């Protein structure tokens, strides 16, 4: 369990999210107060709020009375107290949007509070993001942002995955316009991130005009494959910066499996070599940085969640489907999300990319592990709220270089994976799907499949521990 902090600490009890503000530092910045459109410095005494900046065109700017340097004494009468300030600020947005959208800022030296109005989206339903009008509005706002002339398609076009995941025909049509003009890239990052939505688009619509682009991406993936996986920027020589980079290469495997389902000519040696290579990491630790042994621990920057979607593509392709080792590997890789979330926002280039894959992969388990999924999504709601931007887009708060719409357009998957509109999200095969029998045991022997079980190992008394009621606060790995 999480450690109990000293009585004199700002925090009144255990905390389990890493990278939380340190009450002993003179300055910590909350880069985005969600759709309000401001950044807030937290200064001493912990945690006094000072406006760092106001975003142009935001609700905060529309007030005409807020500016950098002002001290916020309270928001809607509340001061920061006892808990992670990020959680409290996120909850303020949730509460305001469920009511009239008003946030009243008591500013030091001002007689009257400054009122900022954000759109009233309603309250989250108990089953959010499904059957939830507020979630639906957030999804629609992000989709409309991506589709707008100034919208961000995301790195490699990864925002197109989000558009496909809404299930709305008008969003699919936007993807079609992009797909028909795609120029296939050689970099593995872009092969995977652009190839996945391209294949999902074909499997939904049967638009054969995109098949040549899919095939060209397959050819590029094969040409840049090395030791059954991929480097960050392509090439086949091991030099500094060109070794395996699984944060990008894992998605190439996902693409190749989907391309096979589309009927593209994917060489068996390339496909099965990559499948075996990455499958070995499931159930035996984390998906490593490169061509290495599985990582030990949970600071994986989302690579294991990324791997869950590759295994989802494998389970979708093979006729064995949900009875295959790939489905078990998918679930096991996805299950690391709940245990690794206390290490959120960790990563040497910034931890934002990890949150994309972590939230998305945990959503794959909504049906199989409903208690853990509900605790996960509810406990992390504050981060989705603070990551939202007033124009409908997302950043990834605290995610370093990933805290911008270029990557944030994929963070919306947290709301749409449970809709099961994509093959890798759980959608059934379409009339355009072409199954392919993958090896029933791509690596290891049948006894190795025990590593993929989600059940606890029996104790000395022969009984298995009930894991169905695990929570982030008590059972996730603690980074302290």
Protein backbone atom coordinates (compact mmCIF):
# COMPACT_ATOMS: atom_id res chain seq x y z
CA UNK A 1 0.00 0.00 0.00
CA UNK A 2 0.99 3.63 -0.38
CA UNK A 3 3.11 5.15 2.36
CA UNK A 4 1.51 7.48 4.88
CA UNK A 5 3.04 10.93 4.76
CA UNK A 6 4.12 12.90 7.81
CA UNK A 7 1.46 14.84 9.67
CA UNK A 8 3.07 18.18 8.78
CA UNK A 9 2.80 17.41 5.08
CA UNK A 10 0.34 19.31 2.87
CA UNK A 11 -1.10 15.94 1.93
CA UNK A 12 -3.45 14.55 4.56
CA UNK A 13 -3.20 10.93 3.46
CA UNK A 14 -1.64 8.44 1.06
CA UNK A 15 -1.09 9.46 -2.54
CA UNK A 16 -0.57 7.14 -5.49
CA UNK A 17 -0.02 9.31 -8.56
CA UNK A 18 3.59 10.06 -9.37
CA UNK A 19 4.89 13.45 -10.51
CA UNK A 20 2.49 15.10 -8.07
CA UNK A 21 3.38 18.63 -6.90
CA UNK A 22 6.02 18.67 -4.18
CA UNK A 23 4.94 20.85 -1.29
CA UNK A 24 8.56 21.69 -0.47
CA UNK A 25 9.39 23.22 -3.86
CA UNK A 26 9.08 26.94 -4.39
CA UNK A 27 7.45 26.52 -7.79
CA UNK A 28 5.41 23.86 -9.58
CA UNK A 29 3.32 24.65 -12.63
CA UNK A 30 -0.01 23.20 -13.69
CA UNK A 31 0.34 23.94 -17.39
CA UNK A 32 -3.36 23.72 -18.17
CA UNK A 33 -6.45 24.23 -16.06
CA UNK A 34 -8.40 22.23 -18.60
CA UNK A 35 -10.83 24.14 -20.87
CA UNK A 36 -10.57 27.26 -18.68
CA UNK A 37 -7.49 28.27 -20.66
CA UNK A 38 -4.89 29.23 -18.11
CA UNK A 39 -1.71 27.91 -16.55
CA UNK A 40 -1.34 28.07 -12.77
CA UNK A 41 1.88 28.30 -10.78
CA UNK A 42 1.80 26.66 -7.36
CA UNK A 43 4.03 28.61 -4.99
CA UNK A 44 4.80 28.78 -1.28
CA UNK A 45 3.22 28.50 1.13
CA UNK A 46 2.03 25.23 -0.41
CA UNK A 47 -0.01 25.51 -2.47
CA UNK A 48 -0.77 29.15 -3.25
CA UNK A 49 -2.16 29.62 -6.77
CA UNK A 50 -0.67 32.27 -9.06
CA UNK A 51 -1.75 32.76 -12.66
CA UNK A 52 1.15 32.00 -14.98
CA UNK A 53 -0.50 32.67 -18.33
CA UNK A 54 -3.85 33.10 -20.07
CA UNK A 55 -4.52 31.39 -23.41
CA UNK A 56 -5.71 33.68 -26.17
CA UNK A 57 -9.32 33.04 -27.15
CA UNK A 58 -10.05 31.03 -24.00
CA UNK A 59 -12.88 31.48 -21.49
CA UNK A 60 -10.29 32.86 -19.05
CA UNK A 61 -9.29 35.50 -21.60
CA UNK A 62 -12.95 36.31 -22.30
CA UNK A 63 -13.37 37.50 -18.72
CA UNK A 64 -11.10 40.43 -19.54
CA UNK A 65 -9.98 40.59 -15.92
CA UNK A 66 -7.44 37.82 -15.46
CA UNK A 67 -3.74 38.20 -16.14
CA UNK A 68 -0.40 36.63 -15.32
CA UNK A 69 0.91 37.29 -11.84
CA UNK A 70 -2.44 37.51 -10.05
CA UNK A 71 -2.84 35.44 -6.89
CA UNK A 72 -5.93 33.23 -6.81
CA UNK A 73 -7.21 33.06 -3.26
CA UNK A 74 -9.99 30.57 -4.01
CA UNK A 75 -12.03 29.07 -6.85
CA UNK A 76 -15.75 28.74 -6.19
CA UNK A 77 -14.90 29.30 -2.55
CA UNK A 78 -12.44 26.40 -2.36
CA UNK A 79 -8.73 26.53 -1.59
CA UNK A 80 -6.23 23.80 -2.37
CA UNK A 81 -6.07 21.49 0.60
CA UNK A 82 -5.10 17.96 1.66
CA UNK A 83 -5.01 16.18 -1.72
CA UNK A 84 -3.04 16.36 -4.95
CA UNK A 85 -3.85 19.87 -6.29
CA UNK A 86 -4.24 18.45 -9.78
CA UNK A 87 -7.04 16.19 -8.61
CA UNK A 88 -8.79 19.06 -6.84
CA UNK A 89 -8.52 21.34 -9.88
CA UNK A 90 -9.81 18.59 -12.15
CA UNK A 91 -12.76 18.02 -9.83
CA UNK A 92 -13.57 21.73 -9.99
CA UNK A 93 -14.02 21.43 -13.74
CA UNK A 94 -16.17 18.33 -13.34
CA UNK A 95 -18.40 20.08 -10.80
CA UNK A 96 -18.72 23.30 -12.83
CA UNK A 97 -19.58 21.51 -16.06
CA UNK A 98 -22.24 19.48 -14.26
CA UNK A 99 -23.90 22.74 -13.16
CA UNK A 100 -23.85 26.15 -14.86
CA UNK A 101 -20.23 26.14 -16.02
CA UNK A 102 -19.34 29.07 -13.78
CA UNK A 103 -16.00 29.34 -11.99
CA UNK A 104 -15.60 32.23 -9.58
CA UNK A 105 -11.99 33.30 -9.01
CA UNK A 106 -11.32 35.27 -5.84
CA UNK A 107 -8.29 37.38 -6.82
CA UNK A 108 -6.06 38.94 -4.20
CA UNK A 109 -6.70 42.67 -4.03
CA UNK A 110 -9.96 42.54 -5.98
CA UNK A 111 -13.25 43.29 -4.21
CA UNK A 112 -15.38 41.09 -6.47
CA UNK A 113 -14.65 37.63 -7.84
CA UNK A 114 -13.85 37.23 -11.51
CA UNK A 115 -16.35 34.94 -13.18
CA UNK A 116 -15.24 32.60 -15.95
CA UNK A 117 -17.82 30.57 -17.82
CA UNK A 118 -17.00 27.30 -19.52
CA UNK A 119 -19.61 25.25 -21.45
CA UNK A 120 -21.92 23.28 -19.20
CA UNK A 121 -21.54 19.74 -20.57
CA UNK A 122 -23.51 17.98 -17.85
CA UNK A 123 -22.42 15.38 -15.31
CA UNK A 124 -20.61 12.15 -16.02
CA UNK A 125 -22.87 9.14 -15.85
CA UNK A 126 -21.89 6.22 -13.57
CA UNK A 127 -21.02 4.21 -16.71
CA UNK A 128 -19.01 6.89 -18.45
CA UNK A 129 -17.64 7.07 -21.09
CA UNK A 130 -20.47 4.85 -22.36
CA UNK A 131 -24.09 5.94 -22.10
CA UNK A 132 -22.88 9.35 -21.00
CA UNK A 133 -24.01 12.60 -22.71
CA UNK A 134 -21.05 14.54 -21.31
CA UNK A 135 -18.57 12.00 -22.70
CA UNK A 136 -20.37 12.11 -26.03
CA UNK A 137 -19.94 15.89 -26.15
CA UNK A 138 -16.25 15.64 -25.36
CA UNK A 139 -15.84 13.06 -28.13
CA UNK A 140 -17.76 15.20 -30.59
CA UNK A 141 -15.75 18.32 -29.71
CA UNK A 142 -12.46 16.50 -30.30
CA UNK A 143 -13.68 14.95 -33.56
CA UNK A 144 -14.85 18.32 -34.85
CA UNK A 145 -11.50 19.85 -33.88
CA UNK A 146 -9.55 17.21 -35.81
CA UNK A 147 -11.82 17.62 -38.84
CA UNK A 148 -11.61 21.42 -38.85
CA UNK A 149 -9.33 23.24 -41.33
CA UNK A 150 -6.93 24.18 -38.52
CA UNK A 151 -7.29 20.86 -36.74
CA UNK A 152 -4.38 18.58 -35.90
CA UNK A 153 -4.39 15.10 -37.46
CA UNK A 154 -1.73 13.99 -35.02
CA UNK A 155 1.74 12.54 -35.45
CA UNK A 156 1.66 10.28 -38.47
CA UNK A 157 -2.09 10.86 -38.70
CA UNK A 158 -2.80 9.05 -35.44
CA UNK A 159 -5.77 11.36 -34.85
CA UNK A 160 -7.49 9.43 -37.61
CA UNK A 161 -7.65 6.46 -35.25
CA UNK A 162 -9.76 8.60 -32.95
CA UNK A 163 -12.07 9.66 -35.78
CA UNK A 164 -12.59 6.04 -36.79
CA UNK A 165 -13.29 5.13 -33.17
CA UNK A 166 -16.30 7.43 -32.81
CA UNK A 167 -18.35 5.21 -35.10
CA UNK A 168 -19.90 8.25 -36.80
CA UNK A 169 -20.19 8.18 -40.58
CA UNK A 170 -19.16 11.82 -40.98
CA UNK A 171 -15.91 11.13 -39.14
CA UNK A 172 -15.23 8.10 -41.33
CA UNK A 173 -15.74 10.33 -44.37
CA UNK A 174 -13.06 12.73 -43.08
CA UNK A 175 -10.65 9.81 -42.70
CA UNK A 176 -11.46 8.75 -46.25
CA UNK A 177 -10.42 12.16 -47.61
CA UNK A 178 -7.11 11.87 -45.75
CA UNK A 179 -6.58 8.23 -46.67
CA UNK A 180 -6.98 8.81 -50.40
CA UNK A 181 -4.26 11.47 -50.39
CA UNK A 182 -1.82 9.75 -48.03
CA UNK A 183 1.82 9.63 -49.10
CA UNK A 184 3.29 6.50 -47.47
CA UNK A 185 6.23 7.26 -45.20
CA UNK A 186 9.41 5.29 -44.56
CA UNK A 187 9.78 6.05 -40.84
CA UNK A 188 8.42 3.22 -38.68
CA UNK A 189 6.72 5.75 -36.36
CA UNK A 190 4.61 6.98 -39.25
CA UNK A 191 4.13 3.57 -40.87
CA UNK A 192 2.38 2.31 -37.76
CA UNK A 193 0.51 5.45 -36.79
CA UNK A 194 -0.80 6.14 -40.30
CA UNK A 195 -1.21 2.53 -41.39
CA UNK A 196 -3.53 1.54 -38.54
CA UNK A 197 -6.33 3.99 -39.40
CA UNK A 198 -5.81 3.36 -43.12
CA UNK A 199 -6.50 -0.35 -42.60
CA UNK A 200 -9.39 0.26 -40.23
CA UNK A 201 -10.90 2.57 -42.83
CA UNK A 202 -10.68 -0.08 -45.55
CA UNK A 203 -12.09 -2.80 -43.31
CA UNK A 204 -15.09 -0.61 -42.52
CA UNK A 205 -15.79 0.80 -45.98
CA UNK A 206 -14.16 -1.49 -48.52
CA UNK A 207 -12.80 1.58 -50.32
CA UNK A 208 -10.26 -0.17 -52.57
CA UNK A 209 -8.63 3.10 -53.58
CA UNK A 210 -6.57 3.00 -50.36
CA UNK A 211 -5.21 -0.52 -50.89
CA UNK A 212 -2.17 0.65 -52.91
CA UNK A 213 -1.15 2.95 -50.04
CA UNK A 214 -1.57 0.12 -47.54
CA UNK A 215 0.60 -2.10 -49.71
CA UNK A 216 3.26 0.59 -50.06
CA UNK A 217 3.36 0.98 -46.28
CA UNK A 218 3.74 -2.79 -45.97
CA UNK A 219 6.64 -2.70 -48.43
CA UNK A 220 8.24 0.13 -46.47
CA UNK A 221 7.82 -1.77 -43.21
CA UNK A 222 9.48 -4.85 -44.69
CA UNK A 223 12.31 -2.76 -46.14
CA UNK A 224 13.07 -1.16 -42.75
CA UNK A 225 12.66 -4.29 -40.61
CA UNK A 226 15.76 -5.41 -38.71
CA UNK A 227 15.99 -8.43 -36.41
CA UNK A 228 12.20 -8.82 -36.62
CA UNK A 229 11.40 -5.30 -35.38
CA UNK A 230 11.94 -1.65 -36.23
CA UNK A 231 14.17 1.27 -35.42
CA UNK A 232 13.03 4.79 -34.72
CA UNK A 233 13.84 6.32 -38.08
CA UNK A 234 14.20 3.35 -40.34
CA UNK A 235 17.37 1.85 -41.73
CA UNK A 236 18.96 -1.51 -41.08
CA UNK A 237 22.29 -0.73 -39.45
CA UNK A 238 22.74 -0.63 -35.71
CA UNK A 239 24.20 2.77 -34.89
CA UNK A 240 23.47 5.22 -32.12
CA UNK A 241 19.82 6.25 -32.33
CA UNK A 242 18.99 3.50 -34.81
CA UNK A 243 18.48 0.47 -32.58
CA UNK A 244 15.07 -1.07 -32.03
CA UNK A 245 12.59 1.48 -30.71
CA UNK A 246 9.55 -0.42 -29.54
CA UNK A 247 7.52 2.68 -28.74
CA UNK A 248 7.20 3.12 -32.50
CA UNK A 249 7.93 -0.36 -33.83
CA UNK A 250 5.19 -2.14 -31.88
CA UNK A 251 2.55 -0.18 -33.79
CA UNK A 252 4.14 -1.34 -37.07
CA UNK A 253 3.33 -4.92 -36.10
CA UNK A 254 -0.26 -3.85 -35.36
CA UNK A 255 -0.44 -2.30 -38.82
CA UNK A 256 1.01 -5.35 -40.59
CA UNK A 257 -1.53 -7.64 -38.94
CA UNK A 258 -4.36 -5.32 -39.99
CA UNK A 259 -2.88 -5.09 -43.49
CA UNK A 260 -2.96 -8.90 -43.68
CA UNK A 261 -6.63 -8.77 -42.74
CA UNK A 262 -7.14 -6.27 -45.56
CA UNK A 263 -5.71 -8.82 -47.99
CA UNK A 264 -2.42 -7.04 -48.63
CA UNK A 265 0.65 -9.03 -49.63
CA UNK A 266 2.49 -9.23 -46.32
CA UNK A 267 5.47 -11.61 -46.48
CA UNK A 268 5.06 -14.41 -43.96
CA UNK A 269 8.65 -14.22 -42.77
CA UNK A 270 8.32 -10.51 -41.97
CA UNK A 271 4.91 -10.82 -40.32
CA UNK A 272 5.55 -13.98 -38.31
CA UNK A 273 9.05 -12.91 -37.33
CA UNK A 274 7.73 -9.66 -35.86
CA UNK A 275 4.79 -11.45 -34.25
CA UNK A 276 7.08 -13.93 -32.52
CA UNK A 277 9.49 -11.18 -31.52
CA UNK A 278 6.90 -9.06 -29.72
CA UNK A 279 4.73 -11.91 -28.44
CA UNK A 280 7.67 -13.10 -26.32
CA UNK A 281 7.40 -9.98 -24.17
CA UNK A 282 3.79 -10.58 -23.10
CA UNK A 283 3.36 -12.07 -19.65
CA UNK A 284 7.06 -11.88 -18.85
CA UNK A 285 7.52 -8.26 -17.88
CA UNK A 286 7.25 -5.04 -19.85
CA UNK A 287 7.72 -4.41 -23.54
CA UNK A 288 11.37 -3.18 -23.50
CA UNK A 289 12.88 -0.10 -25.05
CA UNK A 290 14.55 -2.07 -27.83
CA UNK A 291 15.85 -5.54 -28.70
CA UNK A 292 16.36 -6.63 -25.13
CA UNK A 293 14.94 -8.81 -22.39
CA UNK A 294 11.51 -7.83 -21.03
CA UNK A 295 11.71 -4.84 -18.74
CA UNK A 296 11.25 -5.32 -15.02
CA UNK A 297 9.00 -2.81 -13.29
CA UNK A 298 6.31 -0.51 -14.58
CA UNK A 299 8.03 2.56 -16.04
CA UNK A 300 7.35 1.45 -19.60
CA UNK A 301 6.20 4.73 -21.17
CA UNK A 302 3.15 2.93 -22.56
CA UNK A 303 5.02 0.34 -24.62
CA UNK A 304 3.21 -2.57 -22.96
CA UNK A 305 -0.17 -0.98 -23.57
CA UNK A 306 0.95 -0.46 -27.16
CA UNK A 307 1.71 -4.18 -27.28
CA UNK A 308 -1.81 -4.99 -26.11
CA UNK A 309 -3.19 -3.50 -29.33
CA UNK A 310 -0.74 -5.50 -31.45
CA UNK A 311 -2.00 -8.66 -29.77
CA UNK A 312 -5.58 -7.44 -30.28
CA UNK A 313 -4.86 -7.19 -34.02
CA UNK A 314 -3.45 -10.74 -33.97
CA UNK A 315 -6.50 -12.09 -32.16
CA UNK A 316 -8.76 -10.30 -34.65
CA UNK A 317 -6.89 -11.75 -37.65
CA UNK A 318 -6.65 -15.42 -36.71
CA UNK A 319 -9.77 -17.65 -36.87
CA UNK A 320 -9.00 -18.83 -33.31
CA UNK A 321 -9.85 -15.32 -32.18
CA UNK A 322 -10.82 -15.10 -28.52
CA UNK A 323 -9.65 -18.68 -27.97
CA UNK A 324 -6.13 -17.88 -29.12
CA UNK A 325 -3.00 -17.15 -27.11
CA UNK A 326 -3.06 -13.72 -28.72
CA UNK A 327 -6.28 -12.77 -26.94
CA UNK A 328 -4.75 -13.88 -23.66
CA UNK A 329 -1.58 -11.91 -24.46
CA UNK A 330 -3.70 -8.85 -25.28
CA UNK A 331 -5.49 -8.98 -21.94
CA UNK A 332 -2.33 -9.55 -19.94
CA UNK A 333 -0.51 -6.66 -21.60
CA UNK A 334 -3.53 -4.41 -21.13
CA UNK A 335 -3.80 -5.38 -17.48
CA UNK A 336 -0.46 -3.74 -16.72
CA UNK A 337 -2.27 -0.39 -17.05
CA UNK A 338 -3.81 -0.61 -13.61
CA UNK A 339 -0.54 -1.64 -11.97
CA UNK A 340 1.62 0.89 -13.80
CA UNK A 341 -0.63 3.94 -13.52
CA UNK A 342 1.05 5.15 -10.33
CA UNK A 343 4.07 5.66 -12.59
CA UNK A 344 2.06 7.93 -14.87
CA UNK A 345 3.90 10.70 -16.74
CA UNK A 346 7.27 8.94 -16.50
CA UNK A 347 9.46 8.86 -19.58
CA UNK A 348 12.85 10.22 -20.51
CA UNK A 349 11.35 12.25 -23.37
CA UNK A 350 8.20 13.03 -21.40
CA UNK A 351 5.57 10.63 -20.19
CA UNK A 352 2.64 11.73 -22.30
CA UNK A 353 2.81 8.95 -24.86
CA UNK A 354 2.54 6.42 -22.07
CA UNK A 355 -0.80 7.84 -20.97
CA UNK A 356 -2.25 7.38 -24.47
CA UNK A 357 -1.52 3.67 -24.53
CA UNK A 358 -2.15 3.11 -20.82
CA UNK A 359 -5.66 4.58 -20.89
CA UNK A 360 -6.48 2.94 -24.19
CA UNK A 361 -5.32 -0.53 -23.21
CA UNK A 362 -7.08 -0.52 -19.84
CA UNK A 363 -10.25 0.29 -21.74
CA UNK A 364 -9.91 -3.05 -23.54
CA UNK A 365 -10.66 -4.73 -20.19
CA UNK A 366 -13.89 -2.88 -19.46
CA UNK A 367 -15.93 -6.07 -19.81
CA UNK A 368 -13.51 -8.61 -18.36
CA UNK A 369 -12.29 -6.58 -15.37
CA UNK A 370 -15.15 -4.15 -14.74
CA UNK A 371 -14.22 -3.26 -11.15
CA UNK A 372 -10.61 -2.46 -11.97
CA UNK A 373 -11.61 -0.58 -15.11
CA UNK A 374 -14.12 1.54 -13.22
CA UNK A 375 -11.61 2.38 -10.50
CA UNK A 376 -8.99 3.19 -13.14
CA UNK A 377 -11.14 5.51 -15.23
CA UNK A 378 -12.74 7.25 -12.25
CA UNK A 379 -9.44 7.74 -10.44
CA UNK A 380 -7.81 9.27 -13.52
CA UNK A 381 -10.75 11.48 -14.50
CA UNK A 382 -8.93 14.55 -13.20
CA UNK A 383 -6.18 14.06 -15.75
CA UNK A 384 -8.57 13.89 -18.69
CA UNK A 385 -10.31 17.04 -17.44
CA UNK A 386 -7.09 19.03 -17.09
CA UNK A 387 -5.73 17.77 -20.42
CA UNK A 388 -8.74 19.05 -22.36
CA UNK A 389 -8.40 22.39 -24.16
CA UNK A 390 -11.07 25.02 -24.71
CA UNK A 391 -11.05 24.45 -28.50
CA UNK A 392 -12.07 20.81 -28.07
CA UNK A 393 -8.58 19.39 -28.49
CA UNK A 394 -6.48 17.56 -25.92
CA UNK A 395 -2.95 17.92 -24.67
CA UNK A 396 -1.49 15.44 -22.19
CA UNK A 397 -0.96 17.44 -19.01
CA UNK A 398 2.52 16.96 -17.58
CA UNK A 399 3.56 14.86 -20.56
CA UNK A 400 6.57 16.91 -21.58
CA UNK A 401 6.96 17.22 -25.33
CA UNK A 402 3.80 15.18 -25.83
CA UNK A 403 1.63 17.78 -24.10
CA UNK A 404 0.22 19.21 -27.31
CA UNK A 405 -2.53 18.33 -29.80
CA UNK A 406 -0.02 16.58 -32.09
CA UNK A 407 -0.16 13.72 -29.56
CA UNK A 408 -3.19 14.69 -27.50
CA UNK A 409 -5.59 13.84 -30.33
CA UNK A 410 -4.93 10.21 -29.39
CA UNK A 411 -5.63 10.73 -25.69
CA UNK A 412 -9.33 10.83 -26.52
CA UNK A 413 -9.17 7.06 -27.00
CA UNK A 414 -9.89 6.82 -23.29
CA UNK A 415 -13.44 7.83 -24.18
CA UNK A 416 -13.89 5.74 -27.34
CA UNK A 417 -12.12 2.38 -26.99
CA UNK A 418 -15.16 0.98 -25.11
CA UNK A 419 -17.34 1.80 -28.12
CA UNK A 420 -15.59 -1.08 -29.93
CA UNK A 421 -15.74 0.55 -33.35
CA UNK A 422 -12.28 -0.58 -34.51
CA UNK A 423 -11.00 -4.10 -35.03
CA UNK A 424 -8.21 -3.47 -32.53
CA UNK A 425 -10.79 -2.09 -30.08
CA UNK A 426 -13.03 -5.17 -30.29
CA UNK A 427 -15.25 -4.64 -33.35
CA UNK A 428 -16.36 -7.82 -35.16
CA UNK A 429 -14.92 -8.72 -38.56
CA UNK A 430 -16.46 -7.05 -41.58
CA UNK A 431 -17.31 -8.44 -45.00
CA UNK A 432 -13.96 -7.07 -46.15
CA UNK A 433 -11.95 -8.97 -43.53
CA UNK A 434 -9.76 -11.79 -44.77
CA UNK A 435 -8.80 -14.18 -41.94
CA UNK A 436 -5.40 -15.81 -41.71
CA UNK A 437 -4.41 -18.68 -39.45
CA UNK A 438 -1.57 -17.50 -37.28
CA UNK A 439 0.59 -20.03 -35.40
CA UNK A 440 -1.33 -21.37 -32.45
CA UNK A 441 1.86 -21.21 -30.37
CA UNK A 442 4.18 -18.59 -31.90
CA UNK A 443 6.85 -19.03 -29.24
CA UNK A 444 7.45 -21.23 -26.21
CA UNK A 445 5.43 -24.26 -25.21
CA UNK A 446 1.90 -24.68 -23.91
CA UNK A 447 3.06 -24.51 -20.28
CA UNK A 448 4.36 -21.00 -20.95
CA UNK A 449 0.80 -19.85 -21.49
CA UNK A 450 0.30 -19.83 -17.72
CA UNK A 451 2.27 -16.58 -17.74
CA UNK A 452 -0.65 -14.99 -19.59
CA UNK A 453 -3.26 -15.87 -16.97
CA UNK A 454 -5.05 -13.03 -15.20
CA UNK A 455 -5.77 -15.27 -12.23
CA UNK A 456 -3.69 -15.32 -9.09
CA UNK A 457 -1.36 -18.22 -8.39
CA UNK A 458 -2.81 -20.50 -5.68
CA UNK A 459 -1.30 -20.07 -2.21
CA UNK A 460 0.04 -22.82 0.02
CA UNK A 461 -3.55 -23.62 1.02
CA UNK A 462 -4.51 -24.14 -2.62
CA UNK A 463 -6.79 -21.10 -2.71
CA UNK A 464 -6.53 -18.30 -5.24
CA UNK A 465 -6.60 -14.69 -4.13
CA UNK A 466 -9.60 -12.73 -5.39
CA UNK A 467 -8.15 -9.97 -7.58
CA UNK A 468 -11.50 -8.59 -8.77
CA UNK A 469 -11.61 -5.80 -6.20
CA UNK A 470 -8.09 -4.44 -6.59
CA UNK A 471 -7.78 -0.67 -6.62
CA UNK A 472 -5.19 1.80 -7.80
CA UNK A 473 -4.69 3.20 -4.32
CA UNK A 474 -4.01 -0.14 -2.65
CA UNK A 475 -2.71 -2.43 -5.35
CA UNK A 476 -0.93 -0.47 -8.07
CA UNK A 477 2.84 -0.31 -7.99
CA UNK A 478 3.99 2.64 -5.89
CA UNK A 479 6.95 4.72 -7.15
CA UNK A 480 8.20 5.91 -3.77
